[in-house]
N, C-alpha and C. Protein backbone atom coordinates (compact mmCIF):
# COMPACT_ATOMS: atom_id res chain seq x y z
N UNK A 1 132.75 -103.87 19.88
CA UNK A 1 132.06 -103.02 19.62
C UNK A 1 132.18 -101.55 20.33
N UNK A 2 132.74 -100.57 20.25
CA UNK A 2 133.04 -99.39 20.87
C UNK A 2 131.70 -98.68 21.29
N UNK A 3 131.36 -98.47 22.02
CA UNK A 3 130.04 -97.73 23.00
C UNK A 3 130.20 -96.01 22.99
N UNK A 4 129.50 -95.42 22.37
CA UNK A 4 129.43 -93.70 22.09
C UNK A 4 128.12 -93.42 23.63
N UNK A 5 128.85 -92.68 24.20
CA UNK A 5 127.95 -91.65 25.07
C UNK A 5 127.26 -90.54 24.12
N UNK A 6 125.98 -90.36 24.16
CA UNK A 6 125.03 -89.54 23.40
C UNK A 6 124.44 -88.43 24.24
N UNK A 7 124.67 -87.27 24.70
CA UNK A 7 124.09 -86.40 25.34
C UNK A 7 123.13 -85.30 24.65
N UNK A 8 121.54 -85.48 25.18
CA UNK A 8 121.30 -84.35 24.44
C UNK A 8 120.46 -83.56 25.44
N UNK A 9 120.54 -82.28 24.90
CA UNK A 9 119.94 -81.49 25.76
C UNK A 9 118.62 -80.58 25.47
N UNK A 10 117.37 -80.80 25.89
CA UNK A 10 116.24 -79.87 25.47
C UNK A 10 116.01 -78.86 26.15
N UNK A 11 116.19 -77.74 25.35
CA UNK A 11 115.81 -76.51 25.84
C UNK A 11 114.40 -76.16 25.74
N UNK A 12 113.64 -75.63 26.58
CA UNK A 12 112.65 -75.07 26.37
C UNK A 12 112.16 -73.87 26.79
N UNK A 13 111.19 -72.94 25.96
CA UNK A 13 111.40 -71.35 26.07
C UNK A 13 110.59 -71.45 27.91
N UNK A 14 111.03 -70.28 28.23
CA UNK A 14 110.46 -69.90 29.47
C UNK A 14 109.95 -68.37 29.14
N UNK A 15 108.75 -68.44 29.49
CA UNK A 15 108.02 -66.89 29.18
C UNK A 15 108.44 -65.91 29.99
N UNK A 16 108.71 -65.04 29.16
CA UNK A 16 109.59 -63.88 29.60
C UNK A 16 111.27 -63.81 30.17
N UNK A 17 111.73 -64.85 29.59
CA UNK A 17 113.28 -65.31 29.40
C UNK A 17 113.94 -64.91 28.09
N UNK A 18 114.95 -64.52 27.98
CA UNK A 18 115.51 -64.67 26.93
C UNK A 18 116.76 -65.87 27.25
N UNK A 19 116.94 -66.21 26.31
CA UNK A 19 117.61 -67.29 26.09
C UNK A 19 119.29 -66.84 27.05
N UNK A 20 119.52 -65.61 26.41
CA UNK A 20 121.13 -64.60 26.69
C UNK A 20 120.77 -64.37 28.04
N UNK A 21 119.67 -64.18 28.87
CA UNK A 21 119.89 -63.78 30.08
C UNK A 21 120.50 -64.56 31.20
N UNK A 22 121.30 -64.44 31.79
CA UNK A 22 122.20 -64.92 32.90
C UNK A 22 121.05 -65.81 34.20
N UNK A 23 121.08 -66.15 34.56
CA UNK A 23 120.70 -66.80 35.93
C UNK A 23 121.01 -66.21 37.27
N UNK A 24 120.56 -65.68 37.84
CA UNK A 24 120.67 -64.82 39.06
C UNK A 24 119.60 -65.20 40.34
N UNK A 25 120.68 -65.88 41.37
CA UNK A 25 120.06 -65.97 42.27
C UNK A 25 120.01 -64.57 43.40
N UNK A 26 119.25 -64.37 43.31
CA UNK A 26 119.11 -62.83 44.39
C UNK A 26 118.17 -62.69 45.30
N UNK A 27 118.05 -64.14 45.84
CA UNK A 27 117.16 -64.24 47.34
C UNK A 27 117.67 -63.69 48.21
N UNK A 28 117.68 -62.63 49.07
CA UNK A 28 117.95 -62.58 50.22
C UNK A 28 117.96 -63.58 51.11
N UNK A 29 118.88 -63.66 52.26
CA UNK A 29 118.83 -64.19 53.45
C UNK A 29 119.06 -63.83 54.66
N UNK A 30 117.97 -64.77 55.53
CA UNK A 30 118.38 -64.31 57.31
C UNK A 30 119.60 -65.48 57.68
N UNK A 31 120.21 -64.78 58.64
CA UNK A 31 120.63 -65.48 59.66
C UNK A 31 121.56 -64.92 61.26
N UNK A 32 121.88 -65.57 62.06
CA UNK A 32 121.70 -65.08 63.04
C UNK A 32 123.26 -64.58 62.97
N UNK A 33 123.60 -63.24 63.42
CA UNK A 33 124.38 -62.75 63.53
C UNK A 33 125.83 -63.31 63.96
N UNK A 34 125.67 -64.18 65.27
CA UNK A 34 127.03 -65.15 65.56
C UNK A 34 126.01 -66.42 65.80
N UNK A 35 126.78 -67.68 65.74
CA UNK A 35 126.12 -69.02 66.13
C UNK A 35 126.45 -68.99 68.03
N UNK A 36 127.28 -68.64 68.74
CA UNK A 36 126.92 -68.67 70.01
C UNK A 36 127.28 -67.35 70.83
N UNK A 37 126.89 -67.42 71.46
CA UNK A 37 126.52 -66.34 72.54
C UNK A 37 126.50 -66.45 74.04
N UNK A 38 127.14 -65.75 74.98
CA UNK A 38 127.03 -66.12 76.20
C UNK A 38 126.27 -64.97 77.39
N UNK A 39 125.77 -65.13 78.40
CA UNK A 39 125.09 -64.04 79.30
C UNK A 39 125.21 -65.12 80.48
N UNK A 40 125.26 -64.08 81.63
CA UNK A 40 124.66 -64.53 82.89
C UNK A 40 123.48 -64.65 83.25
N UNK A 41 123.39 -65.32 83.98
CA UNK A 41 121.71 -65.58 84.74
C UNK A 41 121.45 -64.28 85.55
N UNK A 42 120.57 -63.57 85.36
CA UNK A 42 120.12 -62.35 86.25
C UNK A 42 120.86 -61.18 85.38
N UNK A 43 121.58 -61.29 84.23
CA UNK A 43 121.94 -60.44 83.07
C UNK A 43 120.68 -59.39 82.87
N UNK A 44 121.03 -57.64 82.84
CA UNK A 44 119.70 -57.11 82.42
C UNK A 44 118.93 -57.82 80.69
N UNK A 45 119.56 -57.49 80.01
CA UNK A 45 119.22 -57.97 79.10
C UNK A 45 120.01 -58.75 77.82
N UNK A 46 119.58 -59.65 77.04
CA UNK A 46 120.31 -60.29 76.18
C UNK A 46 119.63 -59.92 74.65
N UNK A 47 121.20 -59.46 74.06
CA UNK A 47 120.19 -59.26 72.73
C UNK A 47 120.99 -59.67 71.46
N UNK A 48 120.05 -60.45 70.96
CA UNK A 48 120.44 -61.51 70.04
C UNK A 48 119.89 -60.97 68.26
N UNK A 49 120.81 -60.56 67.96
CA UNK A 49 120.79 -60.21 66.45
C UNK A 49 120.34 -60.93 65.57
N UNK A 50 119.70 -60.61 64.17
CA UNK A 50 119.39 -61.37 63.01
C UNK A 50 119.73 -60.34 62.06
N UNK A 51 120.37 -60.82 60.98
CA UNK A 51 120.81 -59.93 60.04
C UNK A 51 120.60 -60.56 58.91
N UNK A 52 120.50 -59.73 57.71
CA UNK A 52 120.07 -60.01 56.54
C UNK A 52 121.23 -59.72 55.56
N UNK A 53 121.25 -60.59 54.78
CA UNK A 53 121.89 -60.85 53.44
C UNK A 53 121.17 -60.67 52.13
N UNK A 54 121.49 -59.46 51.64
CA UNK A 54 120.69 -58.86 50.12
C UNK A 54 120.06 -58.05 50.97
N UNK A 55 119.41 -57.65 49.38
CA UNK A 55 118.29 -56.16 49.71
C UNK A 55 117.16 -56.91 49.77
N UNK A 56 116.35 -56.30 50.60
CA UNK A 56 114.68 -56.51 50.59
C UNK A 56 113.96 -55.72 50.09
N UNK A 57 113.63 -56.28 48.80
CA UNK A 57 112.69 -55.47 48.01
C UNK A 57 111.27 -55.43 48.54
N UNK A 58 111.02 -56.43 49.15
CA UNK A 58 109.48 -56.58 50.04
C UNK A 58 110.06 -56.41 51.31
N UNK A 59 109.27 -56.51 52.40
CA UNK A 59 109.31 -56.70 53.81
C UNK A 59 109.79 -58.06 53.76
N UNK A 60 110.62 -58.23 54.81
CA UNK A 60 111.26 -59.75 55.35
C UNK A 60 110.72 -59.99 56.58
N UNK A 61 110.58 -61.29 57.10
CA UNK A 61 109.88 -61.34 58.51
C UNK A 61 110.35 -63.11 58.62
N UNK A 62 111.05 -63.16 59.99
CA UNK A 62 111.58 -64.48 60.01
C UNK A 62 111.35 -64.58 61.92
N UNK A 63 111.20 -66.02 62.17
CA UNK A 63 110.62 -66.12 63.52
C UNK A 63 112.01 -66.58 64.53
N UNK A 64 112.37 -66.15 65.48
CA UNK A 64 112.96 -66.68 66.55
C UNK A 64 112.38 -67.51 67.89
N UNK A 65 112.74 -68.93 67.48
CA UNK A 65 112.49 -69.74 68.30
C UNK A 65 113.43 -70.50 69.50
N UNK A 66 112.88 -70.89 70.55
CA UNK A 66 113.45 -71.31 71.76
C UNK A 66 113.55 -73.00 71.26
N UNK A 67 114.49 -73.96 70.80
CA UNK A 67 114.28 -75.32 70.87
C UNK A 67 114.85 -76.63 72.20
N UNK A 68 113.80 -76.07 73.01
CA UNK A 68 113.92 -76.80 74.06
C UNK A 68 114.53 -77.95 74.30
N UNK A 69 114.56 -78.75 72.99
CA UNK A 69 114.48 -79.94 73.08
C UNK A 69 116.20 -80.39 72.63
N UNK A 70 116.71 -78.80 72.38
CA UNK A 70 117.91 -79.04 72.06
C UNK A 70 119.31 -78.87 72.83
N UNK A 71 118.56 -77.94 74.18
CA UNK A 71 118.98 -77.30 75.07
C UNK A 71 119.11 -77.95 76.13
N UNK A 72 119.67 -77.40 77.63
CA UNK A 72 119.61 -77.73 78.88
C UNK A 72 118.66 -76.68 79.30
N UNK A 73 118.49 -75.69 78.54
CA UNK A 73 117.66 -74.09 79.48
C UNK A 73 116.50 -74.56 78.82
N UNK A 74 115.19 -74.02 79.95
CA UNK A 74 113.73 -73.60 79.37
C UNK A 74 113.42 -72.39 78.90
N UNK A 75 112.06 -72.22 78.83
CA UNK A 75 111.94 -71.10 78.62
C UNK A 75 111.77 -70.31 79.94
N UNK A 76 111.69 -70.82 81.14
CA UNK A 76 111.77 -69.89 82.13
C UNK A 76 113.01 -69.40 82.66
N UNK A 77 114.02 -70.11 81.76
CA UNK A 77 115.66 -69.31 82.27
C UNK A 77 115.71 -68.39 81.20
N UNK A 78 114.76 -67.78 80.46
CA UNK A 78 114.55 -66.82 79.49
C UNK A 78 113.47 -65.74 79.64
N UNK A 79 113.35 -65.79 80.86
CA UNK A 79 111.87 -64.82 81.24
C UNK A 79 110.64 -65.18 80.63
N UNK A 80 110.78 -66.56 80.28
CA UNK A 80 109.30 -66.83 79.56
C UNK A 80 109.08 -66.67 77.91
N UNK A 81 110.54 -66.76 77.64
CA UNK A 81 110.95 -66.30 75.82
C UNK A 81 110.21 -67.77 75.38
N UNK A 82 109.50 -67.80 74.12
CA UNK A 82 109.26 -69.08 73.56
C UNK A 82 109.85 -68.97 72.12
N UNK A 83 109.13 -67.48 71.64
CA UNK A 83 109.19 -67.64 70.21
C UNK A 83 108.93 -65.83 69.84
N UNK A 84 109.53 -65.34 68.99
CA UNK A 84 108.88 -63.78 68.35
C UNK A 84 109.56 -63.47 66.97
N UNK A 85 108.74 -63.05 66.27
CA UNK A 85 109.04 -62.46 65.05
C UNK A 85 109.87 -61.22 64.64
N UNK A 86 110.64 -61.09 64.11
CA UNK A 86 111.40 -59.83 63.55
C UNK A 86 111.44 -59.79 61.96
N UNK A 87 111.12 -58.35 61.62
CA UNK A 87 110.36 -58.06 60.25
C UNK A 87 111.89 -56.85 59.93
N UNK A 88 112.25 -57.20 58.77
CA UNK A 88 113.01 -56.22 58.00
C UNK A 88 111.92 -55.40 56.99
N UNK A 89 111.64 -54.03 56.99
CA UNK A 89 111.22 -53.46 56.08
C UNK A 89 111.86 -53.63 54.76
N UNK A 90 110.83 -53.20 53.99
CA UNK A 90 111.26 -53.18 52.41
C UNK A 90 112.19 -52.09 52.53
N UNK A 91 113.09 -52.47 51.50
CA UNK A 91 114.22 -51.40 51.26
C UNK A 91 115.29 -51.19 52.58
N UNK A 92 115.47 -52.54 53.42
CA UNK A 92 116.55 -52.98 53.85
C UNK A 92 117.59 -53.12 53.41
N UNK A 93 118.46 -52.52 53.52
CA UNK A 93 120.04 -53.20 53.16
C UNK A 93 120.58 -54.45 53.14
N UNK A 94 121.53 -54.73 52.71
CA UNK A 94 122.31 -55.95 53.11
C UNK A 94 123.01 -55.61 54.10
N UNK A 95 123.11 -56.45 55.10
CA UNK A 95 123.96 -56.00 56.56
C UNK A 95 122.75 -55.23 57.71
N UNK A 96 121.84 -55.25 57.20
CA UNK A 96 121.05 -54.71 58.42
C UNK A 96 120.49 -55.60 59.42
N UNK A 97 120.58 -55.36 60.54
CA UNK A 97 120.35 -56.17 61.82
C UNK A 97 119.06 -55.90 62.37
N UNK A 98 118.22 -56.92 62.85
CA UNK A 98 117.10 -56.45 63.83
C UNK A 98 117.18 -57.54 65.07
N UNK A 99 116.94 -56.71 66.29
CA UNK A 99 117.46 -57.62 67.61
C UNK A 99 116.29 -57.95 68.39
N UNK A 100 116.17 -59.38 69.12
CA UNK A 100 115.38 -59.90 69.97
C UNK A 100 115.74 -60.22 71.09
N UNK A 101 115.31 -59.17 72.20
CA UNK A 101 115.72 -58.99 73.43
C UNK A 101 115.34 -60.05 74.41
N UNK A 102 116.41 -60.91 75.20
CA UNK A 102 116.01 -62.08 76.04
C UNK A 102 115.99 -61.55 77.45
N UNK A 103 115.24 -62.20 78.59
CA UNK A 103 115.79 -61.92 80.00
C UNK A 103 116.53 -63.22 80.62
N UNK A 104 117.90 -63.16 80.95
CA UNK A 104 118.25 -64.32 81.02
C UNK A 104 117.82 -64.14 82.64
N UNK A 105 116.88 -65.03 82.85
CA UNK A 105 116.43 -64.99 84.45
C UNK A 105 117.21 -65.67 85.58
N UNK A 106 117.60 -65.32 86.77
CA UNK A 106 117.96 -65.61 87.42
C UNK A 106 117.13 -66.66 88.40
N UNK A 107 118.09 -67.60 89.15
CA UNK A 107 117.11 -68.43 90.10
C UNK A 107 117.95 -68.91 91.18
N UNK A 108 117.56 -69.70 91.85
CA UNK A 108 118.22 -70.06 93.29
C UNK A 108 119.13 -71.23 93.40
N UNK A 109 119.38 -71.59 92.17
CA UNK A 109 120.47 -72.65 91.92
C UNK A 109 121.74 -72.68 91.86
N UNK A 110 122.00 -73.39 92.46
CA UNK A 110 123.42 -73.32 92.48
C UNK A 110 123.59 -74.48 91.29
N UNK A 111 124.22 -74.10 90.08
CA UNK A 111 123.98 -75.69 88.91
C UNK A 111 125.42 -75.21 87.90
N UNK A 112 125.62 -76.20 86.78
CA UNK A 112 126.28 -76.09 85.78
C UNK A 112 125.50 -75.06 84.88
N UNK A 113 126.61 -74.68 83.99
CA UNK A 113 125.75 -73.23 82.92
C UNK A 113 124.93 -74.27 82.17
N UNK A 114 124.03 -73.42 81.35
CA UNK A 114 123.17 -73.66 81.18
C UNK A 114 122.91 -73.62 79.30
N UNK A 115 122.40 -74.07 78.44
CA UNK A 115 122.57 -73.63 77.16
C UNK A 115 121.33 -73.85 76.70
N UNK A 116 120.81 -72.74 75.95
CA UNK A 116 119.18 -72.30 75.16
C UNK A 116 120.13 -72.28 73.50
N UNK A 117 119.35 -72.90 73.12
CA UNK A 117 119.44 -73.21 71.33
C UNK A 117 118.14 -72.37 70.48
N UNK A 118 118.35 -71.32 70.32
CA UNK A 118 117.70 -70.38 69.44
C UNK A 118 117.89 -70.88 67.92
N UNK A 119 116.63 -71.18 67.19
CA UNK A 119 116.57 -71.45 66.00
C UNK A 119 115.64 -70.34 65.14
N UNK A 120 116.08 -70.29 63.73
CA UNK A 120 115.61 -69.40 62.65
C UNK A 120 114.16 -70.17 62.06
N UNK A 121 113.23 -69.98 62.08
CA UNK A 121 112.06 -70.60 61.38
C UNK A 121 110.97 -69.82 60.46
N UNK A 122 110.51 -70.63 59.67
CA UNK A 122 109.48 -69.59 58.97
C UNK A 122 110.02 -68.45 58.06
N UNK A 123 110.64 -68.36 57.40
CA UNK A 123 111.16 -67.07 56.86
C UNK A 123 110.18 -66.87 55.58
N UNK A 124 109.78 -65.37 55.23
CA UNK A 124 109.24 -64.94 54.59
C UNK A 124 109.45 -63.84 53.21
N UNK A 125 109.93 -63.92 52.29
CA UNK A 125 110.30 -63.05 51.50
C UNK A 125 112.00 -63.26 51.33
N UNK A 126 112.52 -64.61 52.18
CA UNK A 126 113.65 -64.68 52.39
C UNK A 126 114.19 -66.17 52.55
N UNK A 127 115.17 -66.70 52.36
CA UNK A 127 115.76 -67.88 52.48
C UNK A 127 116.58 -67.86 53.81
N UNK A 128 116.49 -69.03 54.84
CA UNK A 128 117.35 -69.40 55.55
C UNK A 128 119.02 -68.98 55.31
N UNK A 129 119.67 -68.29 55.70
CA UNK A 129 121.12 -68.41 55.71
C UNK A 129 121.93 -69.36 56.78
N UNK A 130 123.22 -69.05 57.08
CA UNK A 130 124.23 -69.90 58.02
C UNK A 130 124.40 -68.80 58.84
N UNK A 131 124.76 -68.80 60.23
CA UNK A 131 124.16 -69.70 60.99
C UNK A 131 122.85 -69.56 61.39
N UNK A 132 121.63 -70.53 61.36
CA UNK A 132 120.31 -70.47 61.31
C UNK A 132 120.00 -71.09 63.04
N UNK A 133 121.20 -70.72 63.22
CA UNK A 133 121.11 -72.23 64.97
C UNK A 133 121.98 -70.76 66.08
N UNK A 134 121.49 -70.38 66.91
CA UNK A 134 122.52 -69.68 67.75
C UNK A 134 122.76 -70.78 69.42
N UNK A 135 123.66 -71.32 69.76
CA UNK A 135 123.87 -71.76 71.12
C UNK A 135 123.94 -70.53 72.35
N UNK A 136 123.14 -70.03 73.30
CA UNK A 136 123.11 -69.13 73.76
C UNK A 136 123.62 -69.99 75.52
N UNK A 137 124.81 -69.85 75.76
CA UNK A 137 125.48 -70.45 77.12
C UNK A 137 125.08 -69.15 78.34
N UNK A 138 124.30 -69.98 79.30
CA UNK A 138 123.69 -69.15 80.61
C UNK A 138 124.64 -69.41 81.35
N UNK A 139 125.47 -68.34 81.89
CA UNK A 139 126.09 -68.98 83.10
C UNK A 139 125.59 -68.50 84.52
N UNK A 140 125.98 -69.72 85.14
CA UNK A 140 125.20 -69.70 86.61
C UNK A 140 125.94 -68.59 87.74
N UNK A 141 125.08 -67.98 87.97
CA UNK A 141 125.05 -66.69 89.06
C UNK A 141 124.16 -66.79 90.14
N UNK A 142 124.72 -67.71 91.26
CA UNK A 142 123.46 -67.60 92.30
C UNK A 142 123.38 -66.30 93.30
N UNK A 143 121.88 -66.31 93.07
CA UNK A 143 121.47 -64.89 93.65
C UNK A 143 120.68 -65.20 94.74
N UNK A 144 121.36 -64.87 96.01
CA UNK A 144 120.85 -65.30 96.93
C UNK A 144 119.51 -64.88 97.32
N UNK A 145 119.34 -63.23 96.72
CA UNK A 145 118.55 -62.38 96.81
C UNK A 145 116.87 -62.76 96.23
N UNK A 146 117.31 -63.87 95.15
CA UNK A 146 116.19 -64.73 94.39
C UNK A 146 115.70 -65.84 95.41
N UNK A 147 116.32 -65.93 96.53
CA UNK A 147 115.49 -67.01 97.31
C UNK A 147 114.41 -66.89 98.03
């Protein structure tokens, strides 16, 4: 006997939604402006940019944090940085940028380049976009004055 596949679709009304309304995913996202960045130890400042995709109807915030387990650098290599929160004010347009400024600290060691991995976490008013992880390569610059 031939088998017949029967598919049933159940439509339940959703308050405030007309069945002809299109489904729109307009949740803004936040991401790093790039996935990789380089700086030399002892560089003045390292500007890490976070960008907004989509308009911000309300204030949007996201935390930029150092993931010490994922890289070879630690907070002392970044002037004590562990985390910072960036905020996009309500009304910010898609493409807006906010900056976290880090210090690539000089040390008195001759060593291989180190990597610091920064991650975006705990967004409010937005979803995480890609890339949500940035690898910062710190080039070794031996500074005899730091000894």
